[in-house]
Amino acid sequence: MKVAQVGSSSVIAVQGPDASLLYYWQPIGSQQWNQEIVVQAGEGFISSAPSVAQVGNSSVIAAQGPNNSLFFYWQPIGSQQWNLEAVAAPGLAFSAPSVAQVGNSSVIAVEGPDGSLLYYWQPIGSQQWKQQIVMQPGKGNTVSAPSVAQVGNSSVIAVQLPDAPPGLPGSNHYSGPNMLLFFWQPIGSQQWNQEFVDGYDSAFSAASVAQVGDSTVIAVQGPRNSLQVYWQPIGSQQWNQETVAGPGSAFSAPSVAQVGNSTVIAVEGPDGQLQFYWQPIGSQQWNLEDVDALEFAFSAPSVAQVGNSSVIAVEGPDGSVLFYWQPIGSPQWNREAVAPAGTDTE
């Protein structure tokens, strides 16, 4: 699932029962969650966790469809009508996608056939999707679900290669599985640039990428269930690594964002705990908060800033959907039940 701010609301997109697609929204300051059924149960449309964002004046969702196709749904803010577009035909999408606004376009990153990495973009207001091959198919290699964002004046993608063949072009001594790669493209360019963030056996989950201050930051589960963050000032080619939490700390893919003047990360911790790490921009000190000490986290969480709060969405017990929020500067986390058991089937 994914959480974001769209207009003046918190929104959550979830893969529901029987390949349905569900959308929840709550006006900032309200305690009432509203549900919309984007795709009905039983239609067999949704086969991955969805990704949600605001693009222009619309709420948009990307999701893997039947037979490894790729779908895009959009709804003008304030409307109740969802519109469907087929982004890619069957056989072209092999992971959960990631959607964002970059410049004046909607963009989607997804794993393609044979471990390739594909990027789709569409100018706001257009109905035409364009495809770019970010990374060519390779013999036997696969990529994780990618993460896409705008950083500075570029579109950027972070991706883990859990199974990369030796001798991948440009890898030098970074050959082997569990590598962390970064791709960037200046807005308006057709050229993708590749950087190796870290090499062999460094990344053990899907990565999460965001702009924080004047830097690109990537969070990923590291060796032995550690939590690692990498950062690079915009315009630099040098990646810096920090261990946020040592072995035995991270048991899901993390989610990273800027909230206020801090880098924040949400991750499932030991025994199903939901944990939140934050670091003021410019500091080297990571601070840990137990969002919920109970065993209430059953998926990779999603974190964002909504209004003046940090918010986290996560799958709770028995496929429920939980939402946590904390005003910036407060140590108090508040929990809300968004949807009952049996809702989240990701």
Protein backbone atom coordinates (compact mmCIF):
# COMPACT_ATOMS: atom_id res chain seq x y z
CA MET A 1 0.00 0.00 0.00
CA LYS A 2 1.02 3.61 -0.37
CA VAL A 3 0.11 6.80 1.52
CA ALA A 4 0.33 10.34 0.18
CA GLN A 5 -1.14 13.81 0.45
CA VAL A 6 -3.53 14.69 -2.35
CA GLY A 7 -5.05 18.13 -2.15
CA SER A 8 -6.06 18.64 1.49
CA SER A 9 -6.44 14.94 2.30
CA SER A 10 -4.46 11.90 3.36
CA VAL A 11 -4.99 9.14 0.80
CA ILE A 12 -4.17 5.42 0.82
CA ALA A 13 -4.34 2.97 -2.09
CA VAL A 14 -4.63 -0.76 -1.33
CA GLN A 15 -4.97 -3.99 -3.27
CA GLY A 16 -8.19 -5.43 -1.89
CA PRO A 17 -9.90 -8.83 -1.96
CA ASP A 18 -10.32 -10.65 -5.28
CA ALA A 19 -7.93 -8.37 -7.19
CA SER A 20 -9.90 -5.23 -6.33
CA LEU A 21 -8.39 -1.76 -5.94
CA LEU A 22 -9.45 0.34 -2.96
CA TYR A 23 -8.84 4.01 -2.22
CA TYR A 24 -9.25 5.65 1.17
CA TRP A 25 -9.21 9.38 1.87
CA GLN A 26 -9.53 11.58 4.90
CA PRO A 27 -9.56 15.39 4.97
CA ILE A 28 -6.73 16.76 7.10
CA GLY A 29 -8.06 17.28 10.62
CA SER A 30 -10.91 14.80 10.19
CA GLN A 31 -11.21 11.42 11.89
CA GLN A 32 -13.47 9.98 9.18
CA TRP A 33 -12.04 7.69 6.50
CA ASN A 34 -13.94 7.43 3.23
CA GLN A 35 -13.65 4.43 0.88
CA GLU A 36 -13.89 4.37 -2.89
CA ILE A 37 -13.82 1.21 -4.98
CA VAL A 38 -11.57 1.97 -7.94
CA VAL A 39 -11.77 -1.59 -9.30
CA GLN A 40 -14.49 -4.00 -8.23
CA ALA A 41 -13.67 -7.35 -6.64
CA GLY A 42 -13.72 -10.30 -8.99
CA GLU A 43 -12.75 -8.37 -12.11
CA GLY A 44 -9.22 -9.80 -11.87
CA PHE A 45 -7.56 -6.49 -12.62
CA ILE A 46 -5.08 -5.81 -9.82
CA SER A 47 -2.11 -8.12 -9.24
CA SER A 48 0.30 -5.94 -7.24
CA ALA A 49 0.48 -3.40 -4.47
CA PRO A 50 -0.58 -0.05 -5.97
CA SER A 51 1.27 3.26 -5.83
CA VAL A 52 -0.55 6.57 -5.32
CA ALA A 53 0.46 10.22 -5.73
CA GLN A 54 -0.82 13.65 -6.63
CA VAL A 55 -0.05 14.69 -10.19
CA GLY A 56 -1.28 18.10 -11.20
CA ASN A 57 -4.79 18.47 -9.82
CA SER A 58 -5.53 14.74 -9.77
CA SER A 59 -5.07 11.72 -7.57
CA VAL A 60 -3.33 9.01 -9.59
CA ILE A 61 -2.73 5.29 -8.99
CA ALA A 62 -0.48 2.85 -10.85
CA ALA A 63 -0.90 -0.91 -10.47
CA GLN A 64 0.14 -4.11 -12.18
CA GLY A 65 -2.78 -5.58 -14.10
CA PRO A 66 -3.64 -9.05 -15.41
CA ASN A 67 -1.02 -10.98 -17.36
CA ASN A 68 1.72 -8.56 -16.31
CA SER A 69 0.11 -5.48 -17.83
CA LEU A 70 0.30 -1.97 -16.35
CA PHE A 71 -2.71 0.23 -15.52
CA PHE A 72 -3.08 3.87 -14.52
CA TYR A 73 -6.10 5.36 -12.77
CA TRP A 74 -6.75 9.06 -12.27
CA GLN A 75 -9.39 11.17 -10.61
CA PRO A 76 -9.59 14.98 -10.52
CA ILE A 77 -9.48 16.25 -6.94
CA GLY A 78 -13.06 16.63 -5.73
CA SER A 79 -14.45 14.15 -8.26
CA GLN A 80 -15.83 10.67 -7.52
CA GLN A 81 -15.09 9.34 -11.01
CA TRP A 82 -12.03 7.18 -11.64
CA ASN A 83 -10.63 6.99 -15.15
CA LEU A 84 -8.60 4.01 -16.44
CA GLU A 85 -5.72 4.05 -18.90
CA ALA A 86 -3.75 1.04 -20.13
CA VAL A 87 -0.11 2.08 -19.88
CA ALA A 88 1.54 -1.15 -21.03
CA ALA A 89 0.26 -4.30 -22.69
CA PRO A 90 0.41 -7.78 -21.10
CA GLY A 91 3.92 -9.13 -20.63
CA LEU A 92 5.56 -5.78 -19.86
CA ALA A 93 5.15 -5.29 -16.08
CA PHE A 94 6.66 -7.76 -13.61
CA SER A 95 6.64 -5.86 -10.31
CA ALA A 96 4.65 -3.39 -8.30
CA PRO A 97 5.05 -0.02 -10.06
CA SER A 98 6.01 3.35 -8.58
CA VAL A 99 4.24 6.55 -9.70
CA ALA A 100 5.14 10.22 -9.19
CA GLN A 101 4.99 13.65 -10.74
CA VAL A 102 8.21 14.77 -12.41
CA GLY A 103 8.12 18.19 -13.99
CA ASN A 104 4.79 18.44 -15.80
CA SER A 105 4.38 14.72 -16.35
CA SER A 106 3.08 11.59 -14.69
CA VAL A 107 5.86 9.01 -14.54
CA ILE A 108 5.87 5.30 -13.70
CA ALA A 109 8.80 2.93 -13.13
CA VAL A 110 8.35 -0.85 -13.22
CA GLU A 111 10.31 -4.05 -13.78
CA GLY A 112 9.95 -5.20 -17.39
CA PRO A 113 10.59 -8.51 -19.15
CA ASP A 114 13.78 -10.45 -18.42
CA GLY A 115 14.85 -8.20 -15.57
CA SER A 116 14.70 -4.97 -17.56
CA LEU A 117 13.75 -1.63 -16.02
CA LEU A 118 11.07 0.38 -17.82
CA TYR A 119 9.94 3.99 -17.45
CA TYR A 120 6.68 5.42 -18.73
CA TRP A 121 5.79 9.10 -18.89
CA GLN A 122 2.82 11.16 -19.98
CA PRO A 123 2.50 14.96 -20.03
CA ILE A 124 -0.30 16.16 -17.75
CA GLY A 125 -3.47 16.43 -19.83
CA SER A 126 -2.26 13.98 -22.49
CA GLN A 127 -3.63 10.48 -23.08
CA GLN A 128 -0.43 9.21 -24.70
CA TRP A 129 2.04 7.12 -22.71
CA LYS A 130 5.66 6.93 -23.85
CA GLN A 131 8.10 4.16 -22.88
CA GLN A 132 11.81 4.34 -22.20
CA ILE A 133 14.12 1.41 -21.46
CA VAL A 134 16.18 2.45 -18.46
CA MET A 135 18.04 -0.86 -18.16
CA GLN A 136 18.13 -3.46 -20.92
CA PRO A 137 17.05 -7.06 -20.31
CA GLY A 138 19.85 -9.26 -19.03
CA LYS A 139 20.53 -12.95 -18.90
CA GLY A 140 18.99 -14.23 -15.71
CA ASN A 141 19.00 -10.94 -13.84
CA THR A 142 15.95 -9.53 -12.05
CA VAL A 143 15.17 -6.21 -10.46
CA SER A 144 13.08 -5.40 -7.43
CA ALA A 145 10.07 -3.14 -7.48
CA PRO A 146 11.65 0.24 -8.32
CA SER A 147 11.11 3.60 -6.61
CA VAL A 148 10.76 6.77 -8.71
CA ALA A 149 10.79 10.44 -7.68
CA GLN A 150 11.77 13.92 -8.77
CA VAL A 151 15.03 15.15 -7.28
CA GLY A 152 16.15 18.61 -8.32
CA ASN A 153 15.51 18.87 -12.03
CA SER A 154 15.81 15.17 -12.70
CA SER A 155 13.73 12.03 -12.69
CA VAL A 156 15.45 9.43 -10.50
CA ILE A 157 14.96 5.70 -9.91
CA ALA A 158 16.43 3.48 -7.19
CA VAL A 159 16.34 -0.27 -7.62
CA GLN A 160 17.78 -3.39 -6.03
CA LEU A 161 19.20 -6.17 -8.20
CA PRO A 162 18.60 -9.31 -6.13
CA ASP A 163 20.00 -11.51 -8.90
CA ALA A 164 22.45 -9.76 -11.18
CA PRO A 165 24.76 -11.65 -13.54
CA PRO A 166 28.53 -11.20 -13.18
CA GLY A 167 29.98 -8.71 -15.61
CA LEU A 168 27.03 -6.33 -15.71
CA PRO A 169 28.29 -3.39 -17.83
CA GLY A 170 29.82 -0.68 -15.69
CA SER A 171 29.79 -2.77 -12.54
CA ASN A 172 33.57 -3.24 -12.21
CA HIS A 173 34.01 -5.14 -8.94
CA TYR A 174 30.34 -4.62 -8.04
CA SER A 175 29.24 -7.82 -9.75
CA GLY A 176 26.91 -10.29 -8.11
CA PRO A 177 23.52 -10.26 -6.41
CA ASN A 178 21.91 -7.77 -4.02
CA MET A 179 23.33 -4.60 -5.52
CA LEU A 180 21.81 -1.13 -5.25
CA LEU A 181 21.56 0.92 -8.43
CA PHE A 182 20.51 4.50 -9.13
CA PHE A 183 19.38 5.96 -12.45
CA TRP A 184 18.82 9.62 -13.26
CA GLN A 185 17.66 11.64 -16.23
CA PRO A 186 17.46 15.42 -16.49
CA ILE A 187 13.89 16.55 -17.23
CA GLY A 188 13.51 16.85 -21.00
CA SER A 189 16.41 14.49 -21.74
CA GLN A 190 16.13 11.00 -23.23
CA GLN A 191 19.42 9.82 -21.70
CA TRP A 192 19.46 7.71 -18.55
CA ASN A 193 22.60 7.74 -16.43
CA GLN A 194 23.48 4.80 -14.17
CA GLU A 195 25.32 4.87 -10.86
CA PHE A 196 26.28 1.96 -8.59
CA VAL A 197 25.30 3.06 -5.09
CA ASP A 198 26.60 -0.06 -3.38
CA GLY A 199 27.76 -3.44 -4.58
CA TYR A 200 27.62 -7.12 -3.88
CA ASP A 201 25.36 -8.19 -0.97
CA SER A 202 24.52 -4.68 0.19
CA ALA A 203 20.75 -4.41 -0.49
CA PHE A 204 18.19 -6.96 0.63
CA SER A 205 14.87 -5.26 -0.10
CA ALA A 206 13.22 -2.93 -2.55
CA ALA A 207 14.69 0.55 -2.17
CA SER A 208 12.89 3.83 -1.43
CA VAL A 209 14.13 7.12 -2.92
CA ALA A 210 13.23 10.74 -2.17
CA GLN A 211 14.62 14.26 -2.16
CA VAL A 212 15.47 15.52 1.29
CA GLY A 213 16.83 19.05 1.47
CA ASP A 214 19.37 19.37 -1.33
CA SER A 215 20.18 15.66 -1.48
CA THR A 216 18.97 12.42 -2.97
CA VAL A 217 18.38 9.84 -0.24
CA ILE A 218 17.80 6.10 -0.58
CA ALA A 219 16.73 3.75 2.21
CA VAL A 220 17.07 -0.02 1.94
CA GLN A 221 17.21 -3.09 4.13
CA GLY A 222 20.86 -4.03 4.47
CA PRO A 223 22.76 -7.19 5.44
CA ARG A 224 21.43 -9.21 8.37
CA ASN A 225 18.25 -7.13 8.61
CA SER A 226 20.05 -3.87 9.18
CA LEU A 227 18.69 -0.53 7.95
CA GLN A 228 20.89 1.50 5.62
CA VAL A 229 20.55 4.96 4.10
CA TYR A 230 22.56 6.42 1.24
CA TRP A 231 22.68 10.11 0.34
CA GLN A 232 24.21 12.23 -2.35
CA PRO A 233 24.12 16.03 -2.69
CA ILE A 234 22.37 17.04 -5.92
CA GLY A 235 25.01 17.39 -8.63
CA SER A 236 27.53 15.15 -6.86
CA GLN A 237 28.63 11.68 -7.98
CA GLN A 238 29.63 10.60 -4.47
CA TRP A 239 27.32 8.38 -2.43
CA ASN A 240 27.58 8.46 1.37
CA GLN A 241 26.38 5.55 3.49
CA GLU A 242 24.95 5.60 7.02
CA THR A 243 23.82 2.67 9.13
CA VAL A 244 20.51 3.79 10.60
CA ALA A 245 20.03 0.61 12.65
CA GLY A 246 22.20 -2.47 13.10
CA PRO A 247 21.53 -6.15 12.39
CA GLY A 248 18.18 -7.49 13.54
CA SER A 249 16.40 -4.14 13.19
CA ALA A 250 14.63 -4.09 9.81
CA PHE A 251 12.23 -6.78 8.61
CA SER A 252 10.63 -5.11 5.60
CA ALA A 253 11.43 -2.76 2.79
CA PRO A 254 11.69 0.74 4.32
CA SER A 255 9.97 3.93 3.20
CA VAL A 256 11.81 7.28 3.23
CA ALA A 257 10.56 10.87 2.94
CA GLN A 258 11.23 14.43 4.05
CA VAL A 259 8.97 15.59 6.87
CA GLY A 260 9.53 19.12 8.07
CA ASN A 261 13.30 19.58 8.28
CA SER A 262 14.10 15.92 8.81
CA THR A 263 14.75 12.73 6.91
CA VAL A 264 12.29 10.10 8.15
CA ILE A 265 12.12 6.34 7.60
CA ALA A 266 9.38 3.86 8.50
CA VAL A 267 10.08 0.13 8.65
CA GLU A 268 8.75 -3.04 10.22
CA GLY A 269 10.95 -3.89 13.17
CA PRO A 270 11.39 -7.06 15.24
CA ASP A 271 8.27 -9.01 16.19
CA GLY A 272 5.96 -6.98 13.97
CA GLN A 273 6.67 -3.65 15.63
CA LEU A 274 6.30 -0.47 13.58
CA GLN A 275 9.35 1.75 13.91
CA PHE A 276 10.14 5.30 12.83
CA TYR A 277 13.60 6.82 12.47
CA TRP A 278 14.29 10.51 12.02
CA GLN A 279 17.34 12.68 11.51
CA PRO A 280 17.41 16.47 11.26
CA ILE A 281 18.86 17.60 7.92
CA GLY A 282 22.58 18.12 8.39
CA SER A 283 22.80 15.89 11.46
CA GLN A 284 24.51 12.50 11.69
CA GLN A 285 22.31 11.29 14.55
CA TRP A 286 19.40 8.93 13.92
CA ASN A 287 16.58 8.85 16.47
CA LEU A 288 14.29 5.85 16.92
CA GLU A 289 10.63 5.92 17.91
CA ASP A 290 8.43 2.87 18.44
CA VAL A 291 5.25 3.88 16.65
CA ASP A 292 3.40 0.84 17.91
CA ALA A 293 5.06 -1.61 20.28
CA LEU A 294 2.33 -4.18 19.64
CA GLU A 295 2.71 -6.73 16.84
CA PHE A 296 0.59 -4.64 14.49
CA ALA A 297 2.80 -4.30 11.40
CA PHE A 298 2.31 -7.00 8.78
CA SER A 299 3.73 -5.31 5.68
CA ALA A 300 6.25 -2.81 4.48
CA PRO A 301 4.94 0.58 5.70
CA SER A 302 4.60 3.79 3.70
CA VAL A 303 5.56 7.18 5.16
CA ALA A 304 4.84 10.75 4.01
CA GLN A 305 4.21 14.28 5.20
CA VAL A 306 0.55 15.27 5.19
CA GLY A 307 -0.21 18.78 6.36
CA ASN A 308 1.95 19.37 9.42
CA SER A 309 2.22 15.71 10.42
CA SER A 310 4.23 12.58 9.74
CA VAL A 311 1.87 9.84 8.60
CA ILE A 312 2.37 6.09 8.14
CA ALA A 313 0.10 3.49 6.54
CA VAL A 314 0.65 -0.22 7.13
CA GLU A 315 -1.16 -3.53 6.93
CA GLY A 316 -2.37 -4.52 10.38
CA PRO A 317 -3.52 -7.85 11.81
CA ASP A 318 -5.58 -10.10 9.52
CA GLY A 319 -5.31 -7.82 6.53
CA SER A 320 -6.62 -4.67 8.20
CA VAL A 321 -5.35 -1.20 7.22
CA LEU A 322 -3.88 1.04 9.93
CA PHE A 323 -2.90 4.72 9.83
CA TYR A 324 -0.58 6.48 12.27
CA TRP A 325 0.01 10.21 12.53
CA GLN A 326 2.20 12.48 14.61
CA PRO A 327 2.29 16.29 14.52
CA ILE A 328 5.77 17.53 13.60
CA GLY A 329 7.69 18.10 16.83
CA SER A 330 5.44 15.85 18.92
CA PRO A 331 6.58 12.51 20.40
CA GLN A 332 3.01 11.14 20.41
CA TRP A 333 1.82 8.73 17.72
CA ASN A 334 -1.92 8.35 17.12
CA ARG A 335 -3.44 5.23 15.56
CA GLU A 336 -6.56 5.01 13.39
CA ALA A 337 -8.21 1.93 11.91
CA VAL A 338 -8.80 2.73 8.24
CA ALA A 339 -10.27 -0.58 7.07
CA PRO A 340 -11.24 -3.85 8.79
CA ALA A 341 -9.66 -7.29 8.64
CA GLY A 342 -9.62 -8.90 5.19
CA THR A 343 -9.18 -5.62 3.33
CA ASP A 344 -5.50 -5.65 2.38
CA THR A 345 -4.42 -8.65 0.28
CA GLU A 346 -1.02 -7.40 -0.96
